[in-house]
Amino acid sequence: GKYRLWIPAELGYGPEDQRNPQTGEVAIPGGSELTFDVELLEFKSRAEIEAMQRQMQEMQQQGGAGGQDGGAAQGLPPEIQAQIDAQMRGQ
């Protein structure tokens, strides 16, 4: 499906201009409504998501206390890493 989402300014960035921290230029004018066009490209069933979550939990438990690496992708199950790689390549 395709959807268009609108976020009013008071729920987005508010009344103040949002500036690019590197250039100082206004990136988003104050009071701007945010509009997003969203397209659903893939759907996973609840069972698939729960299976992936179990795999991730198992991997974290096997990794022990060394999981302080900020969530790095190392140690992901190959099928999950393949999905991430495909998404990063735009497939």
PDB file of N, CA and C in Angstrom:
ATOM      1  N   GLY A   1       0.818  -1.180   0.000  1.00  0.00           N
ATOM      2  CA  GLY A   1       0.000   0.000   0.000  1.00  0.00           C
ATOM      3  C   GLY A   1       0.860   1.241   0.000  1.00  0.00           C
ATOM      4  N   LYS A   2       0.248   2.322  -0.383  1.00  0.00           N
ATOM      5  CA  LYS A   2       0.904   3.633  -0.362  1.00  0.00           C
ATOM      6  C   LYS A   2       0.080   4.556   0.522  1.00  0.00           C
ATOM      7  N   TYR A   3       0.779   5.330   1.326  1.00  0.00           N
ATOM      8  CA  TYR A   3       0.112   6.244   2.242  1.00  0.00           C
ATOM      9  C   TYR A   3       0.836   7.575   2.257  1.00  0.00           C
ATOM     10  N   ARG A   4       0.104   8.629   2.518  1.00  0.00           N
ATOM     11  CA  ARG A   4       0.695   9.955   2.750  1.00  0.00           C
ATOM     12  C   ARG A   4       0.366  10.328   4.187  1.00  0.00           C
ATOM     13  N   LEU A   5       1.413  10.641   4.936  1.00  0.00           N
ATOM     14  CA  LEU A   5       1.266  11.003   6.345  1.00  0.00           C
ATOM     15  C   LEU A   5       1.584  12.474   6.525  1.00  0.00           C
ATOM     16  N   TRP A   6       0.746  13.173   7.287  1.00  0.00           N
ATOM     17  CA  TRP A   6       0.970  14.571   7.608  1.00  0.00           C
ATOM     18  C   TRP A   6       1.188  14.693   9.096  1.00  0.00           C
ATOM     19  N   ILE A   7       2.215  15.433   9.460  1.00  0.00           N
ATOM     20  CA  ILE A   7       2.494  15.694  10.873  1.00  0.00           C
ATOM     21  C   ILE A   7       2.437  17.203  11.043  1.00  0.00           C
ATOM     22  N   PRO A   8       1.476  17.687  11.840  1.00  0.00           N
ATOM     23  CA  PRO A   8       1.375  19.137  12.032  1.00  0.00           C
ATOM     24  C   PRO A   8       2.598  19.677  12.768  1.00  0.00           C
ATOM     25  N   ALA A   9       2.874  20.948  12.565  1.00  0.00           N
ATOM     26  CA  ALA A   9       4.073  21.579  13.127  1.00  0.00           C
ATOM     27  C   ALA A   9       4.190  21.375  14.634  1.00  0.00           C
ATOM     28  N   GLU A  10       3.059  21.461  15.343  1.00  0.00           N
ATOM     29  CA  GLU A  10       3.130  21.341  16.804  1.00  0.00           C
ATOM     30  C   GLU A  10       3.547  19.944  17.261  1.00  0.00           C
ATOM     31  N   LEU A  11       3.396  18.932  16.395  1.00  0.00           N
ATOM     32  CA  LEU A  11       3.853  17.580  16.721  1.00  0.00           C
ATOM     33  C   LEU A  11       5.192  17.268  16.049  1.00  0.00           C
ATOM     34  N   GLY A  12       5.661  18.165  15.198  1.00  0.00           N
ATOM     35  CA  GLY A  12       6.930  17.972  14.497  1.00  0.00           C
ATOM     36  C   GLY A  12       8.023  18.824  15.126  1.00  0.00           C
ATOM     37  N   TYR A  13       8.484  19.830  14.374  1.00  0.00           N
ATOM     38  CA  TYR A  13       9.601  20.659  14.828  1.00  0.00           C
ATOM     39  C   TYR A  13       9.167  21.939  15.517  1.00  0.00           C
ATOM     40  N   GLY A  14       7.854  22.215  15.563  1.00  0.00           N
ATOM     41  CA  GLY A  14       7.373  23.378  16.293  1.00  0.00           C
ATOM     42  C   GLY A  14       7.509  24.687  15.527  1.00  0.00           C
ATOM     43  N   PRO A  15       7.385  25.807  16.244  1.00  0.00           N
ATOM     44  CA  PRO A  15       7.340  27.115  15.595  1.00  0.00           C
ATOM     45  C   PRO A  15       8.711  27.700  15.234  1.00  0.00           C
ATOM     46  N   GLU A  16       9.779  27.136  15.758  1.00  0.00           N
ATOM     47  CA  GLU A  16      11.117  27.702  15.535  1.00  0.00           C
ATOM     48  C   GLU A  16      11.770  27.129  14.274  1.00  0.00           C
ATOM     49  N   ASP A  17      12.532  27.975  13.567  1.00  0.00           N
ATOM     50  CA  ASP A  17      13.312  27.493  12.430  1.00  0.00           C
ATOM     51  C   ASP A  17      14.306  26.439  12.905  1.00  0.00           C
ATOM     52  N   GLN A  18      14.484  25.408  12.117  1.00  0.00           N
ATOM     53  CA  GLN A  18      15.494  24.385  12.401  1.00  0.00           C
ATOM     54  C   GLN A  18      16.657  24.617  11.449  1.00  0.00           C
ATOM     55  N   ARG A  19      17.828  24.839  12.001  1.00  0.00           N
ATOM     56  CA  ARG A  19      19.000  25.194  11.193  1.00  0.00           C
ATOM     57  C   ARG A  19      19.943  24.013  11.026  1.00  0.00           C
ATOM     58  N   ASN A  20      20.601  23.996   9.897  1.00  0.00           N
ATOM     59  CA  ASN A  20      21.647  23.014   9.637  1.00  0.00           C
ATOM     60  C   ASN A  20      22.817  23.375  10.554  1.00  0.00           C
ATOM     61  N   PRO A  21      23.241  22.453  11.451  1.00  0.00           N
ATOM     62  CA  PRO A  21      24.305  22.794  12.392  1.00  0.00           C
ATOM     63  C   PRO A  21      25.649  23.066  11.712  1.00  0.00           C
ATOM     64  N   GLN A  22      25.844  22.575  10.510  1.00  0.00           N
ATOM     65  CA  GLN A  22      27.119  22.787   9.823  1.00  0.00           C
ATOM     66  C   GLN A  22      27.173  24.117   9.085  1.00  0.00           C
ATOM     67  N   THR A  23      26.039  24.529   8.513  1.00  0.00           N
ATOM     68  CA  THR A  23      26.044  25.747   7.703  1.00  0.00           C
ATOM     69  C   THR A  23      25.319  26.912   8.359  1.00  0.00           C
ATOM     70  N   GLY A  24      24.440  26.616   9.319  1.00  0.00           N
ATOM     71  CA  GLY A  24      23.646  27.666   9.948  1.00  0.00           C
ATOM     72  C   GLY A  24      22.442  28.081   9.136  1.00  0.00           C
ATOM     73  N   GLU A  25      22.285  27.535   7.928  1.00  0.00           N
ATOM     74  CA  GLU A  25      21.140  27.880   7.088  1.00  0.00           C
ATOM     75  C   GLU A  25      19.884  27.219   7.622  1.00  0.00           C
ATOM     76  N   VAL A  26      18.738  27.852   7.364  1.00  0.00           N
ATOM     77  CA  VAL A  26      17.464  27.282   7.776  1.00  0.00           C
ATOM     78  C   VAL A  26      17.196  26.040   6.932  1.00  0.00           C
ATOM     79  N   ALA A  27      17.065  24.897   7.591  1.00  0.00           N
ATOM     80  CA  ALA A  27      16.788  23.639   6.894  1.00  0.00           C
ATOM     81  C   ALA A  27      15.292  23.367   6.846  1.00  0.00           C
ATOM     82  N   ILE A  28      14.593  23.693   7.952  1.00  0.00           N
ATOM     83  CA  ILE A  28      13.148  23.513   8.035  1.00  0.00           C
ATOM     84  C   ILE A  28      12.581  24.775   8.661  1.00  0.00           C
ATOM     85  N   PRO A  29      11.796  25.550   7.891  1.00  0.00           N
ATOM     86  CA  PRO A  29      11.216  26.772   8.446  1.00  0.00           C
ATOM     87  C   PRO A  29      10.264  26.466   9.606  1.00  0.00           C
ATOM     88  N   GLY A  30      10.240  27.350  10.579  1.00  0.00           N
ATOM     89  CA  GLY A  30       9.327  27.199  11.707  1.00  0.00           C
ATOM     90  C   GLY A  30       7.890  27.085  11.237  1.00  0.00           C
ATOM     91  N   GLY A  31       7.099  26.265  11.941  1.00  0.00           N
ATOM     92  CA  GLY A  31       5.695  26.094  11.612  1.00  0.00           C
ATOM     93  C   GLY A  31       5.442  25.186  10.418  1.00  0.00           C
ATOM     94  N   SER A  32       6.471  24.487   9.945  1.00  0.00           N
ATOM     95  CA  SER A  32       6.312  23.623   8.772  1.00  0.00           C
ATOM     96  C   SER A  32       5.565  22.341   9.113  1.00  0.00           C
ATOM     97  N   GLU A  33       4.602  22.008   8.269  1.00  0.00           N
ATOM     98  CA  GLU A  33       3.941  20.707   8.344  1.00  0.00           C
ATOM     99  C   GLU A  33       4.843  19.707   7.637  1.00  0.00           C
ATOM    100  N   LEU A  34       5.021  18.542   8.236  1.00  0.00           N
ATOM    101  CA  LEU A  34       5.843  17.506   7.625  1.00  0.00           C
ATOM    102  C   LEU A  34       4.943  16.555   6.854  1.00  0.00           C
ATOM    103  N   THR A  35       5.342  16.217   5.638  1.00  0.00           N
ATOM    104  CA  THR A  35       4.582  15.303   4.798  1.00  0.00           C
ATOM    105  C   THR A  35       5.504  14.175   4.353  1.00  0.00           C
ATOM    106  N   PHE A  36       5.050  12.949   4.548  1.00  0.00           N
ATOM    107  CA  PHE A  36       5.818  11.779   4.162  1.00  0.00           C
ATOM    108  C   PHE A  36       4.974  10.890   3.264  1.00  0.00           C
ATOM    109  N   ASP A  37       5.530  10.485   2.125  1.00  0.00           N
ATOM    110  CA  ASP A  37       4.909   9.469   1.294  1.00  0.00           C
ATOM    111  C   ASP A  37       5.563   8.150   1.658  1.00  0.00           C
ATOM    112  N   VAL A  38       4.753   7.182   2.077  1.00  0.00           N
ATOM    113  CA  VAL A  38       5.250   5.896   2.561  1.00  0.00           C
ATOM    114  C   VAL A  38       4.673   4.800   1.692  1.00  0.00           C
ATOM    115  N   GLU A  39       5.536   3.888   1.262  1.00  0.00           N
ATOM    116  CA  GLU A  39       5.092   2.748   0.471  1.00  0.00           C
ATOM    117  C   GLU A  39       5.526   1.462   1.160  1.00  0.00           C
ATOM    118  N   LEU A  40       4.579   0.583   1.392  1.00  0.00           N
ATOM    119  CA  LEU A  40       4.872  -0.715   1.986  1.00  0.00           C
ATOM    120  C   LEU A  40       5.470  -1.600   0.899  1.00  0.00           C
ATOM    121  N   LEU A  41       6.723  -2.002   1.096  1.00  0.00           N
ATOM    122  CA  LEU A  41       7.414  -2.814   0.105  1.00  0.00           C
ATOM    123  C   LEU A  41       7.441  -4.280   0.465  1.00  0.00           C
ATOM    124  N   GLU A  42       7.355  -4.578   1.754  1.00  0.00           N
ATOM    125  CA  GLU A  42       7.448  -5.960   2.196  1.00  0.00           C
ATOM    126  C   GLU A  42       6.659  -6.101   3.491  1.00  0.00           C
ATOM    127  N   PHE A  43       6.125  -7.276   3.691  1.00  0.00           N
ATOM    128  CA  PHE A  43       5.366  -7.556   4.901  1.00  0.00           C
ATOM    129  C   PHE A  43       5.891  -8.839   5.510  1.00  0.00           C
ATOM    130  N   LYS A  44       6.078  -8.833   6.804  1.00  0.00           N
ATOM    131  CA  LYS A  44       6.460 -10.050   7.523  1.00  0.00           C
ATOM    132  C   LYS A  44       5.363 -10.359   8.527  1.00  0.00           C
ATOM    133  N   SER A  45       5.031 -11.625   8.633  1.00  0.00           N
ATOM    134  CA  SER A  45       3.992 -12.036   9.570  1.00  0.00           C
ATOM    135  C   SER A  45       4.510 -11.907  10.996  1.00  0.00           C
ATOM    136  N   ARG A  46       3.595 -11.911  11.934  1.00  0.00           N
ATOM    137  CA  ARG A  46       3.962 -11.866  13.347  1.00  0.00           C
ATOM    138  C   ARG A  46       4.904 -13.020  13.690  1.00  0.00           C
ATOM    139  N   ALA A  47       4.620 -14.208  13.146  1.00  0.00           N
ATOM    140  CA  ALA A  47       5.453 -15.383  13.422  1.00  0.00           C
ATOM    141  C   ALA A  47       6.882 -15.160  12.922  1.00  0.00           C
ATOM    142  N   GLU A  48       7.036 -14.557  11.748  1.00  0.00           N
ATOM    143  CA  GLU A  48       8.382 -14.288  11.221  1.00  0.00           C
ATOM    144  C   GLU A  48       9.133 -13.298  12.105  1.00  0.00           C
ATOM    145  N   ILE A  49       8.451 -12.242  12.532  1.00  0.00           N
ATOM    146  CA  ILE A  49       9.077 -11.228  13.388  1.00  0.00           C
ATOM    147  C   ILE A  49       9.476 -11.841  14.723  1.00  0.00           C
ATOM    148  N   GLU A  50       8.588 -12.623  15.309  1.00  0.00           N
ATOM    149  CA  GLU A  50       8.901 -13.254  16.597  1.00  0.00           C
ATOM    150  C   GLU A  50      10.082 -14.208  16.469  1.00  0.00           C
ATOM    151  N   ALA A  51      10.164 -14.940  15.357  1.00  0.00           N
ATOM    152  CA  ALA A  51      11.297 -15.846  15.135  1.00  0.00           C
ATOM    153  C   ALA A  51      12.596 -15.053  15.019  1.00  0.00           C
ATOM    154  N   MET A  52      12.557 -13.932  14.324  1.00  0.00           N
ATOM    155  CA  MET A  52      13.742 -13.094  14.196  1.00  0.00           C
ATOM    156  C   MET A  52      14.149 -12.525  15.557  1.00  0.00           C
ATOM    157  N   GLN A  53      13.157 -12.115  16.359  1.00  0.00           N
ATOM    158  CA  GLN A  53      13.458 -11.592  17.691  1.00  0.00           C
ATOM    159  C   GLN A  53      14.096 -12.664  18.568  1.00  0.00           C
ATOM    160  N   ARG A  54      13.584 -13.896  18.486  1.00  0.00           N
ATOM    161  CA  ARG A  54      14.177 -14.991  19.265  1.00  0.00           C
ATOM    162  C   ARG A  54      15.624 -15.227  18.845  1.00  0.00           C
ATOM    163  N   GLN A  55      15.871 -15.194  17.548  1.00  0.00           N
ATOM    164  CA  GLN A  55      17.235 -15.381  17.060  1.00  0.00           C
ATOM    165  C   GLN A  55      18.161 -14.289  17.600  1.00  0.00           C
ATOM    166  N   MET A  56      17.682 -13.066  17.577  1.00  0.00           N
ATOM    167  CA  MET A  56      18.497 -11.953  18.073  1.00  0.00           C
ATOM    168  C   MET A  56      18.775 -12.111  19.567  1.00  0.00           C
ATOM    169  N   GLN A  57      17.766 -12.500  20.335  1.00  0.00           N
ATOM    170  CA  GLN A  57      17.949 -12.704  21.772  1.00  0.00           C
ATOM    171  C   GLN A  57      18.945 -13.813  22.039  1.00  0.00           C
ATOM    172  N   GLU A  58      18.858 -14.900  21.264  1.00  0.00           N
ATOM    173  CA  GLU A  58      19.800 -16.002  21.424  1.00  0.00           C
ATOM    174  C   GLU A  58      21.218 -15.558  21.120  1.00  0.00           C
ATOM    175  N   MET A  59      21.369 -14.772  20.065  1.00  0.00           N
ATOM    176  CA  MET A  59      22.695 -14.283  19.697  1.00  0.00           C
ATOM    177  C   MET A  59      23.259 -13.375  20.792  1.00  0.00           C
ATOM    178  N   GLN A  60      22.410 -12.523  21.373  1.00  0.00           N
ATOM    179  CA  GLN A  60      22.861 -11.628  22.436  1.00  0.00           C
ATOM    180  C   GLN A  60      23.254 -12.422  23.667  1.00  0.00           C
ATOM    181  N   GLN A  61      22.496 -13.451  24.002  1.00  0.00           N
ATOM    182  CA  GLN A  61      22.805 -14.275  25.166  1.00  0.00           C
ATOM    183  C   GLN A  61      24.099 -15.044  24.950  1.00  0.00           C
ATOM    184  N   GLN A  62      24.335 -15.529  23.757  1.00  0.00           N
ATOM    185  CA  GLN A  62      25.560 -16.260  23.459  1.00  0.00           C
ATOM    186  C   GLN A  62      26.764 -15.333  23.486  1.00  0.00           C
ATOM    187  N   GLY A  63      26.528 -14.047  23.171  1.00  0.00           N
ATOM    188  CA  GLY A  63      27.619 -13.075  23.152  1.00  0.00           C
ATOM    189  C   GLY A  63      28.072 -12.685  24.538  1.00  0.00           C
ATOM    190  N   GLY A  64      27.300 -12.995  25.568  1.00  0.00           N
ATOM    191  CA  GLY A  64      27.679 -12.684  26.947  1.00  0.00           C
ATOM    192  C   GLY A  64      27.674 -11.199  27.223  1.00  0.00           C
ATOM    193  N   ALA A  65      28.498 -10.791  28.165  1.00  0.00           N
ATOM    194  CA  ALA A  65      28.529  -9.397  28.603  1.00  0.00           C
ATOM    195  C   ALA A  65      29.258  -8.506  27.618  1.00  0.00           C
ATOM    196  N   GLY A  66      29.806  -9.037  26.560  1.00  0.00           N
ATOM    197  CA  GLY A  66      30.535  -8.236  25.590  1.00  0.00           C
ATOM    198  C   GLY A  66      29.635  -7.447  24.667  1.00  0.00           C
ATOM    199  N   GLY A  67      28.343  -7.352  24.934  1.00  0.00           N
ATOM    200  CA  GLY A  67      27.411  -6.654  24.061  1.00  0.00           C
ATOM    201  C   GLY A  67      27.388  -5.168  24.251  1.00  0.00           C
ATOM    202  N   GLN A  68      28.472  -4.571  24.682  1.00  0.00           N
ATOM    203  CA  GLN A  68      28.526  -3.133  24.912  1.00  0.00           C
ATOM    204  C   GLN A  68      29.055  -2.395  23.695  1.00  0.00           C
ATOM    205  N   ASP A  69      28.920  -2.964  22.508  1.00  0.00           N
ATOM    206  CA  ASP A  69      29.511  -2.376  21.306  1.00  0.00           C
ATOM    207  C   ASP A  69      28.582  -1.410  20.591  1.00  0.00           C
ATOM    208  N   GLY A  70      27.515  -0.960  21.245  1.00  0.00           N
ATOM    209  CA  GLY A  70      26.610   0.007  20.638  1.00  0.00           C
ATOM    210  C   GLY A  70      25.709  -0.586  19.590  1.00  0.00           C
ATOM    211  N   GLY A  71      25.482  -1.892  19.599  1.00  0.00           N
ATOM    212  CA  GLY A  71      24.551  -2.504  18.660  1.00  0.00           C
ATOM    213  C   GLY A  71      25.153  -2.787  17.309  1.00  0.00           C
ATOM    214  N   ALA A  72      26.428  -3.010  17.237  1.00  0.00           N
ATOM    215  CA  ALA A  72      27.065  -3.305  15.959  1.00  0.00           C
ATOM    216  C   ALA A  72      26.438  -4.544  15.340  1.00  0.00           C
ATOM    217  N   ALA A  73      26.499  -4.635  14.016  1.00  0.00           N
ATOM    218  CA  ALA A  73      25.822  -5.710  13.300  1.00  0.00           C
ATOM    219  C   ALA A  73      26.565  -7.040  13.365  1.00  0.00           C
ATOM    220  N   GLN A  74      27.750  -7.056  13.943  1.00  0.00           N
ATOM    221  CA  GLN A  74      28.497  -8.315  13.969  1.00  0.00           C
ATOM    222  C   GLN A  74      27.713  -9.348  14.761  1.00  0.00           C
ATOM    223  N   GLY A  75      27.752 -10.589  14.294  1.00  0.00           N
ATOM    224  CA  GLY A  75      27.072 -11.663  14.993  1.00  0.00           C
ATOM    225  C   GLY A  75      25.613 -11.832  14.619  1.00  0.00           C
ATOM    226  N   LEU A  76      25.118 -11.065  13.640  1.00  0.00           N
ATOM    227  CA  LEU A  76      23.725 -11.241  13.214  1.00  0.00           C
ATOM    228  C   LEU A  76      23.587 -12.556  12.472  1.00  0.00           C
ATOM    229  N   PRO A  77      22.428 -13.201  12.588  1.00  0.00           N
ATOM    230  CA  PRO A  77      22.192 -14.398  11.780  1.00  0.00           C
ATOM    231  C   PRO A  77      22.333 -14.036  10.303  1.00  0.00           C
ATOM    232  N   PRO A  78      22.887 -14.954   9.500  1.00  0.00           N
ATOM    233  CA  PRO A  78      23.156 -14.637   8.086  1.00  0.00           C
ATOM    234  C   PRO A  78      21.935 -14.160   7.316  1.00  0.00           C
ATOM    235  N   GLU A  79      20.753 -14.760   7.595  1.00  0.00           N
ATOM    236  CA  GLU A  79      19.570 -14.339   6.838  1.00  0.00           C
ATOM    237  C   GLU A  79      19.148 -12.917   7.182  1.00  0.00           C
ATOM    238  N   ILE A  80      19.357 -12.502   8.419  1.00  0.00           N
ATOM    239  CA  ILE A  80      19.024 -11.129   8.807  1.00  0.00           C
ATOM    240  C   ILE A  80      20.044 -10.167   8.211  1.00  0.00           C
ATOM    241  N   GLN A  81      21.332 -10.526   8.270  1.00  0.00           N
ATOM    242  CA  GLN A  81      22.359  -9.676   7.679  1.00  0.00           C
ATOM    243  C   GLN A  81      22.133  -9.530   6.181  1.00  0.00           C
ATOM    244  N   ALA A  82      21.709 -10.610   5.497  1.00  0.00           N
ATOM    245  CA  ALA A  82      21.428 -10.548   4.065  1.00  0.00           C
ATOM    246  C   ALA A  82      20.274  -9.588   3.777  1.00  0.00           C
ATOM    247  N   GLN A  83      19.254  -9.597   4.627  1.00  0.00           N
ATOM    248  CA  GLN A  83      18.121  -8.677   4.449  1.00  0.00           C
ATOM    249  C   GLN A  83      18.577  -7.235   4.623  1.00  0.00           C
ATOM    250  N   ILE A  84      19.395  -6.987   5.629  1.00  0.00           N
ATOM    251  CA  ILE A  84      19.896  -5.634   5.865  1.00  0.00           C
ATOM    252  C   ILE A  84      20.747  -5.186   4.684  1.00  0.00           C
ATOM    253  N   ASP A  85      21.642  -6.056   4.220  1.00  0.00           N
ATOM    254  CA  ASP A  85      22.500  -5.717   3.083  1.00  0.00           C
ATOM    255  C   ASP A  85      21.665  -5.413   1.843  1.00  0.00           C
ATOM    256  N   ALA A  86      20.628  -6.217   1.580  1.00  0.00           N
ATOM    257  CA  ALA A  86      19.774  -5.993   0.418  1.00  0.00           C
ATOM    258  C   ALA A  86      19.050  -4.652   0.523  1.00  0.00           C
ATOM    259  N   GLN A  87      18.581  -4.305   1.715  1.00  0.00           N
ATOM    260  CA  GLN A  87      17.891  -3.030   1.896  1.00  0.00           C
ATOM    261  C   GLN A  87      18.852  -1.870   1.703  1.00  0.00           C
ATOM    262  N   MET A  88      20.084  -2.018   2.179  1.00  0.00           N
ATOM    263  CA  MET A  88      21.065  -0.952   2.023  1.00  0.00           C
ATOM    264  C   MET A  88      21.425  -0.745   0.545  1.00  0.00           C
ATOM    265  N   ARG A  89      21.350  -1.821  -0.251  1.00  0.00           N
ATOM    266  CA  ARG A  89      21.622  -1.718  -1.685  1.00  0.00           C
ATOM    267  C   ARG A  89      20.389  -1.253  -2.462  1.00  0.00           C
ATOM    268  N   GLY A  90      19.269  -1.087  -1.758  1.00  0.00           N
ATOM    269  CA  GLY A  90      18.047  -0.616  -2.406  1.00  0.00           C
ATOM    270  C   GLY A  90      17.268  -1.690  -3.126  1.00  0.00           C
ATOM    271  N   GLN A  91      17.434  -2.941  -2.736  1.00  0.00           N
ATOM    272  CA  GLN A  91      16.715  -4.035  -3.401  1.00  0.00           C
ATOM    273  C   GLN A  91      15.443  -4.358  -2.675  1.00  0.00           C
TER     274      GLN A  91
END
